[in-house]
């Protein structure tokens, strides 16, 4: 059986942890961040974990992670 291909667009946006959780960056970080409150900009720096159902479907796109 041939090797499975990794969806590169997904692999650039989502990181899988060792325990199988999927992490993504918080949305809305591009520009207009000066008007945000300090707490909001701190929260944007964190990675967000996806729901279990979303992580399960994303694992199909990342076969070797």
PDB file of N, CA and C in Angstrom:
ATOM      1  N   UNK A   1       0.848  -1.181   0.000  1.00  0.00           N
ATOM      2  CA  UNK A   1       0.000   0.000   0.000  1.00  0.00           C
ATOM      3  C   UNK A   1       0.893   1.244   0.000  1.00  0.00           C
ATOM      4  N   UNK A   2       0.581   2.252  -0.819  1.00  0.00           N
ATOM      5  CA  UNK A   2       1.429   3.448  -0.869  1.00  0.00           C
ATOM      6  C   UNK A   2       1.297   4.287   0.407  1.00  0.00           C
ATOM      7  N   UNK A   3       2.258   5.161   0.577  1.00  0.00           N
ATOM      8  CA  UNK A   3       2.224   6.048   1.729  1.00  0.00           C
ATOM      9  C   UNK A   3       1.064   7.032   1.601  1.00  0.00           C
ATOM     10  N   UNK A   4       0.501   7.425   2.751  1.00  0.00           N
ATOM     11  CA  UNK A   4      -0.573   8.416   2.742  1.00  0.00           C
ATOM     12  C   UNK A   4       0.037   9.800   2.690  1.00  0.00           C
ATOM     13  N   UNK A   5      -0.658  10.716   2.053  1.00  0.00           N
ATOM     14  CA  UNK A   5      -0.163  12.084   1.949  1.00  0.00           C
ATOM     15  C   UNK A   5      -0.720  12.931   3.091  1.00  0.00           C
ATOM     16  N   UNK A   6       0.134  13.791   3.621  1.00  0.00           N
ATOM     17  CA  UNK A   6      -0.268  14.727   4.660  1.00  0.00           C
ATOM     18  C   UNK A   6      -0.846  15.968   4.002  1.00  0.00           C
ATOM     19  N   UNK A   7      -1.972  16.459   4.524  1.00  0.00           N
ATOM     20  CA  UNK A   7      -2.534  17.717   4.038  1.00  0.00           C
ATOM     21  C   UNK A   7      -1.690  18.851   4.602  1.00  0.00           C
ATOM     22  N   UNK A   8      -0.889  19.487   3.758  1.00  0.00           N
ATOM     23  CA  UNK A   8       0.056  20.495   4.223  1.00  0.00           C
ATOM     24  C   UNK A   8      -0.642  21.718   4.795  1.00  0.00           C
ATOM     25  N   UNK A   9      -1.812  22.070   4.259  1.00  0.00           N
ATOM     26  CA  UNK A   9      -2.517  23.235   4.776  1.00  0.00           C
ATOM     27  C   UNK A   9      -2.953  23.008   6.218  1.00  0.00           C
ATOM     28  N   UNK A  10      -3.306  21.774   6.554  1.00  0.00           N
ATOM     29  CA  UNK A  10      -3.709  21.449   7.921  1.00  0.00           C
ATOM     30  C   UNK A  10      -2.488  21.377   8.830  1.00  0.00           C
ATOM     31  N   UNK A  11      -1.401  20.797   8.329  1.00  0.00           N
ATOM     32  CA  UNK A  11      -0.213  20.631   9.163  1.00  0.00           C
ATOM     33  C   UNK A  11       0.429  21.967   9.513  1.00  0.00           C
ATOM     34  N   UNK A  12       0.218  22.993   8.683  1.00  0.00           N
ATOM     35  CA  UNK A  12       0.770  24.315   8.984  1.00  0.00           C
ATOM     36  C   UNK A  12      -0.070  25.062  10.011  1.00  0.00           C
ATOM     37  N   UNK A  13      -1.335  24.680  10.162  1.00  0.00           N
ATOM     38  CA  UNK A  13      -2.234  25.410  11.054  1.00  0.00           C
ATOM     39  C   UNK A  13      -2.476  24.705  12.381  1.00  0.00           C
ATOM     40  N   UNK A  14      -2.288  23.408  12.434  1.00  0.00           N
ATOM     41  CA  UNK A  14      -2.664  22.637  13.621  1.00  0.00           C
ATOM     42  C   UNK A  14      -1.497  21.775  14.073  1.00  0.00           C
ATOM     43  N   UNK A  15      -1.286  21.750  15.381  1.00  0.00           N
ATOM     44  CA  UNK A  15      -0.223  20.930  15.968  1.00  0.00           C
ATOM     45  C   UNK A  15      -0.888  19.876  16.847  1.00  0.00           C
ATOM     46  N   UNK A  16      -0.460  18.650  16.690  1.00  0.00           N
ATOM     47  CA  UNK A  16      -0.984  17.569  17.510  1.00  0.00           C
ATOM     48  C   UNK A  16      -0.047  17.357  18.699  1.00  0.00           C
ATOM     49  N   UNK A  17      -0.627  17.220  19.894  1.00  0.00           N
ATOM     50  CA  UNK A  17       0.177  16.982  21.073  1.00  0.00           C
ATOM     51  C   UNK A  17       0.437  15.484  21.215  1.00  0.00           C
ATOM     52  N   UNK A  18       1.263  15.144  22.182  1.00  0.00           N
ATOM     53  CA  UNK A  18       1.610  13.736  22.395  1.00  0.00           C
ATOM     54  C   UNK A  18       0.404  12.923  22.827  1.00  0.00           C
ATOM     55  N   UNK A  19      -0.499  13.543  23.564  1.00  0.00           N
ATOM     56  CA  UNK A  19      -1.681  12.828  24.044  1.00  0.00           C
ATOM     57  C   UNK A  19      -2.798  12.772  23.007  1.00  0.00           C
ATOM     58  N   UNK A  20      -2.618  13.440  21.855  1.00  0.00           N
ATOM     59  CA  UNK A  20      -3.611  13.369  20.794  1.00  0.00           C
ATOM     60  C   UNK A  20      -4.519  14.577  20.702  1.00  0.00           C
ATOM     61  N   UNK A  21      -4.266  15.613  21.495  1.00  0.00           N
ATOM     62  CA  UNK A  21      -5.069  16.829  21.395  1.00  0.00           C
ATOM     63  C   UNK A  21      -4.587  17.662  20.206  1.00  0.00           C
ATOM     64  N   UNK A  22      -5.499  18.429  19.623  1.00  0.00           N
ATOM     65  CA  UNK A  22      -5.165  19.298  18.501  1.00  0.00           C
ATOM     66  C   UNK A  22      -5.144  20.741  18.993  1.00  0.00           C
ATOM     67  N   UNK A  23      -4.061  21.473  18.702  1.00  0.00           N
ATOM     68  CA  UNK A  23      -3.921  22.861  19.115  1.00  0.00           C
ATOM     69  C   UNK A  23      -3.914  23.753  17.892  1.00  0.00           C
ATOM     70  N   UNK A  24      -4.579  24.920  18.009  1.00  0.00           N
ATOM     71  CA  UNK A  24      -4.561  25.899  16.939  1.00  0.00           C
ATOM     72  C   UNK A  24      -4.319  27.270  17.528  1.00  0.00           C
ATOM     73  N   UNK A  25      -3.896  28.192  16.683  1.00  0.00           N
ATOM     74  CA  UNK A  25      -3.680  29.555  17.125  1.00  0.00           C
ATOM     75  C   UNK A  25      -5.007  30.281  17.261  1.00  0.00           C
ATOM     76  N   UNK A  26      -5.071  31.248  18.165  1.00  0.00           N
ATOM     77  CA  UNK A  26      -6.284  32.041  18.323  1.00  0.00           C
ATOM     78  C   UNK A  26      -6.485  32.923  17.097  1.00  0.00           C
ATOM     79  N   UNK A  27      -7.728  33.129  16.720  1.00  0.00           N
ATOM     80  CA  UNK A  27      -8.042  33.903  15.527  1.00  0.00           C
ATOM     81  C   UNK A  27      -7.929  35.400  15.804  1.00  0.00           C
ATOM     82  N   UNK A  28      -7.814  36.188  14.743  1.00  0.00           N
ATOM     83  CA  UNK A  28      -7.834  37.642  14.848  1.00  0.00           C
ATOM     84  C   UNK A  28      -6.553  38.243  15.368  1.00  0.00           C
ATOM     85  N   UNK A  29      -5.411  37.763  14.910  1.00  0.00           N
ATOM     86  CA  UNK A  29      -4.137  38.280  15.404  1.00  0.00           C
ATOM     87  C   UNK A  29      -3.398  39.114  14.370  1.00  0.00           C
ATOM     88  N   UNK A  30      -3.988  39.287  13.196  1.00  0.00           N
ATOM     89  CA  UNK A  30      -3.262  39.902  12.097  1.00  0.00           C
ATOM     90  C   UNK A  30      -2.919  41.362  12.313  1.00  0.00           C
ATOM     91  N   UNK A  31      -3.929  42.195  12.557  1.00  0.00           N
ATOM     92  CA  UNK A  31      -3.700  43.623  12.703  1.00  0.00           C
ATOM     93  C   UNK A  31      -4.817  44.203  13.545  1.00  0.00           C
ATOM     94  N   UNK A  32      -4.759  45.508  13.802  1.00  0.00           N
ATOM     95  CA  UNK A  32      -5.693  46.208  14.690  1.00  0.00           C
ATOM     96  C   UNK A  32      -5.616  45.667  16.105  1.00  0.00           C
ATOM     97  N   UNK A  33      -4.428  45.295  16.554  1.00  0.00           N
ATOM     98  CA  UNK A  33      -4.294  44.747  17.897  1.00  0.00           C
ATOM     99  C   UNK A  33      -3.979  45.813  18.942  1.00  0.00           C
ATOM    100  N   UNK A  34      -3.681  47.031  18.517  1.00  0.00           N
ATOM    101  CA  UNK A  34      -3.359  48.082  19.477  1.00  0.00           C
ATOM    102  C   UNK A  34      -4.579  48.473  20.294  1.00  0.00           C
ATOM    103  N   UNK A  35      -5.764  48.361  19.722  1.00  0.00           N
ATOM    104  CA  UNK A  35      -6.976  48.755  20.440  1.00  0.00           C
ATOM    105  C   UNK A  35      -7.441  47.707  21.442  1.00  0.00           C
ATOM    106  N   UNK A  36      -6.884  46.504  21.378  1.00  0.00           N
ATOM    107  CA  UNK A  36      -7.306  45.435  22.273  1.00  0.00           C
ATOM    108  C   UNK A  36      -6.842  45.713  23.703  1.00  0.00           C
ATOM    109  N   UNK A  37      -7.589  45.202  24.644  1.00  0.00           N
ATOM    110  CA  UNK A  37      -7.170  45.282  26.041  1.00  0.00           C
ATOM    111  C   UNK A  37      -5.982  44.347  26.258  1.00  0.00           C
ATOM    112  N   UNK A  38      -5.222  44.576  27.307  1.00  0.00           N
ATOM    113  CA  UNK A  38      -4.045  43.768  27.569  1.00  0.00           C
ATOM    114  C   UNK A  38      -4.367  42.308  27.783  1.00  0.00           C
ATOM    115  N   UNK A  39      -5.471  42.041  28.464  1.00  0.00           N
ATOM    116  CA  UNK A  39      -5.867  40.656  28.725  1.00  0.00           C
ATOM    117  C   UNK A  39      -6.218  39.949  27.417  1.00  0.00           C
ATOM    118  N   UNK A  40      -6.871  40.666  26.523  1.00  0.00           N
ATOM    119  CA  UNK A  40      -7.260  40.080  25.247  1.00  0.00           C
ATOM    120  C   UNK A  40      -6.047  39.720  24.416  1.00  0.00           C
ATOM    121  N   UNK A  41      -5.068  40.622  24.364  1.00  0.00           N
ATOM    122  CA  UNK A  41      -3.875  40.337  23.571  1.00  0.00           C
ATOM    123  C   UNK A  41      -3.055  39.218  24.198  1.00  0.00           C
ATOM    124  N   UNK A  42      -3.087  39.097  25.528  1.00  0.00           N
ATOM    125  CA  UNK A  42      -2.396  37.974  26.165  1.00  0.00           C
ATOM    126  C   UNK A  42      -3.079  36.659  25.838  1.00  0.00           C
ATOM    127  N   UNK A  43      -4.412  36.661  25.813  1.00  0.00           N
ATOM    128  CA  UNK A  43      -5.149  35.445  25.483  1.00  0.00           C
ATOM    129  C   UNK A  43      -4.941  35.032  24.040  1.00  0.00           C
ATOM    130  N   UNK A  44      -4.711  35.985  23.159  1.00  0.00           N
ATOM    131  CA  UNK A  44      -4.479  35.674  21.749  1.00  0.00           C
ATOM    132  C   UNK A  44      -3.146  34.971  21.541  1.00  0.00           C
ATOM    133  N   UNK A  45      -2.210  35.157  22.439  1.00  0.00           N
ATOM    134  CA  UNK A  45      -0.900  34.521  22.289  1.00  0.00           C
ATOM    135  C   UNK A  45      -0.935  33.036  22.604  1.00  0.00           C
ATOM    136  N   UNK A  46      -1.964  32.598  23.281  1.00  0.00           N
ATOM    137  CA  UNK A  46      -2.058  31.196  23.662  1.00  0.00           C
ATOM    138  C   UNK A  46      -2.598  30.356  22.519  1.00  0.00           C
ATOM    139  N   UNK A  47      -2.267  29.070  22.543  1.00  0.00           N
ATOM    140  CA  UNK A  47      -2.851  28.124  21.609  1.00  0.00           C
ATOM    141  C   UNK A  47      -4.164  27.606  22.193  1.00  0.00           C
ATOM    142  N   UNK A  48      -5.130  27.407  21.338  1.00  0.00           N
ATOM    143  CA  UNK A  48      -6.429  26.899  21.757  1.00  0.00           C
ATOM    144  C   UNK A  48      -6.544  25.437  21.368  1.00  0.00           C
ATOM    145  N   UNK A  49      -7.175  24.648  22.216  1.00  0.00           N
ATOM    146  CA  UNK A  49      -7.361  23.244  21.883  1.00  0.00           C
ATOM    147  C   UNK A  49      -8.714  23.068  21.191  1.00  0.00           C
ATOM    148  N   UNK A  50      -8.736  22.214  20.183  1.00  0.00           N
ATOM    149  CA  UNK A  50      -9.958  21.943  19.445  1.00  0.00           C
ATOM    150  C   UNK A  50     -10.796  20.918  20.190  1.00  0.00           C
ATOM    151  N   UNK A  51     -12.058  20.859  19.831  1.00  0.00           N
ATOM    152  CA  UNK A  51     -12.957  19.869  20.419  1.00  0.00           C
ATOM    153  C   UNK A  51     -12.540  18.472  19.979  1.00  0.00           C
ATOM    154  N   UNK A  52     -12.950  17.472  20.739  1.00  0.00           N
ATOM    155  CA  UNK A  52     -12.566  16.090  20.426  1.00  0.00           C
ATOM    156  C   UNK A  52     -13.061  15.660  19.054  1.00  0.00           C
ATOM    157  N   UNK A  53     -14.277  16.081  18.694  1.00  0.00           N
ATOM    158  CA  UNK A  53     -14.837  15.697  17.394  1.00  0.00           C
ATOM    159  C   UNK A  53     -14.029  16.309  16.263  1.00  0.00           C
ATOM    160  N   UNK A  54     -13.611  17.560  16.421  1.00  0.00           N
ATOM    161  CA  UNK A  54     -12.806  18.215  15.390  1.00  0.00           C
ATOM    162  C   UNK A  54     -11.426  17.582  15.302  1.00  0.00           C
ATOM    163  N   UNK A  55     -10.841  17.241  16.440  1.00  0.00           N
ATOM    164  CA  UNK A  55      -9.525  16.620  16.449  1.00  0.00           C
ATOM    165  C   UNK A  55      -9.562  15.255  15.782  1.00  0.00           C
ATOM    166  N   UNK A  56     -10.661  14.551  15.957  1.00  0.00           N
ATOM    167  CA  UNK A  56     -10.789  13.228  15.354  1.00  0.00           C
ATOM    168  C   UNK A  56     -10.816  13.318  13.834  1.00  0.00           C
ATOM    169  N   UNK A  57     -11.515  14.303  13.291  1.00  0.00           N
ATOM    170  CA  UNK A  57     -11.572  14.446  11.834  1.00  0.00           C
ATOM    171  C   UNK A  57     -10.266  14.995  11.280  1.00  0.00           C
ATOM    172  N   UNK A  58      -9.544  15.766  12.053  1.00  0.00           N
ATOM    173  CA  UNK A  58      -8.281  16.340  11.586  1.00  0.00           C
ATOM    174  C   UNK A  58      -7.184  15.285  11.551  1.00  0.00           C
ATOM    175  N   UNK A  59      -7.282  14.266  12.390  1.00  0.00           N
ATOM    176  CA  UNK A  59      -6.280  13.200  12.391  1.00  0.00           C
ATOM    177  C   UNK A  59      -6.213  12.469  11.054  1.00  0.00           C
ATOM    178  N   UNK A  60      -7.308  12.494  10.297  1.00  0.00           N
ATOM    179  CA  UNK A  60      -7.297  11.871   8.965  1.00  0.00           C
ATOM    180  C   UNK A  60      -6.389  12.628   8.018  1.00  0.00           C
ATOM    181  N   UNK A  61      -6.273  13.948   8.204  1.00  0.00           N
ATOM    182  CA  UNK A  61      -5.426  14.766   7.335  1.00  0.00           C
ATOM    183  C   UNK A  61      -3.957  14.693   7.727  1.00  0.00           C
ATOM    184  N   UNK A  62      -3.685  14.270   8.967  1.00  0.00           N
ATOM    185  CA  UNK A  62      -2.316  14.200   9.469  1.00  0.00           C
ATOM    186  C   UNK A  62      -2.006  12.755   9.854  1.00  0.00           C
ATOM    187  N   UNK A  63      -1.742  11.898   8.891  1.00  0.00           N
ATOM    188  CA  UNK A  63      -1.609  10.467   9.209  1.00  0.00           C
ATOM    189  C   UNK A  63      -0.354  10.124  10.004  1.00  0.00           C
ATOM    190  N   UNK A  64       0.704  10.914   9.919  1.00  0.00           N
ATOM    191  CA  UNK A  64       1.964  10.550  10.566  1.00  0.00           C
ATOM    192  C   UNK A  64       2.281  11.419  11.768  1.00  0.00           C
ATOM    193  N   UNK A  65       1.276  12.046  12.365  1.00  0.00           N
ATOM    194  CA  UNK A  65       1.498  12.870  13.561  1.00  0.00           C
ATOM    195  C   UNK A  65       0.806  12.261  14.746  1.00  0.00           C
TER     196      UNK A  65
END
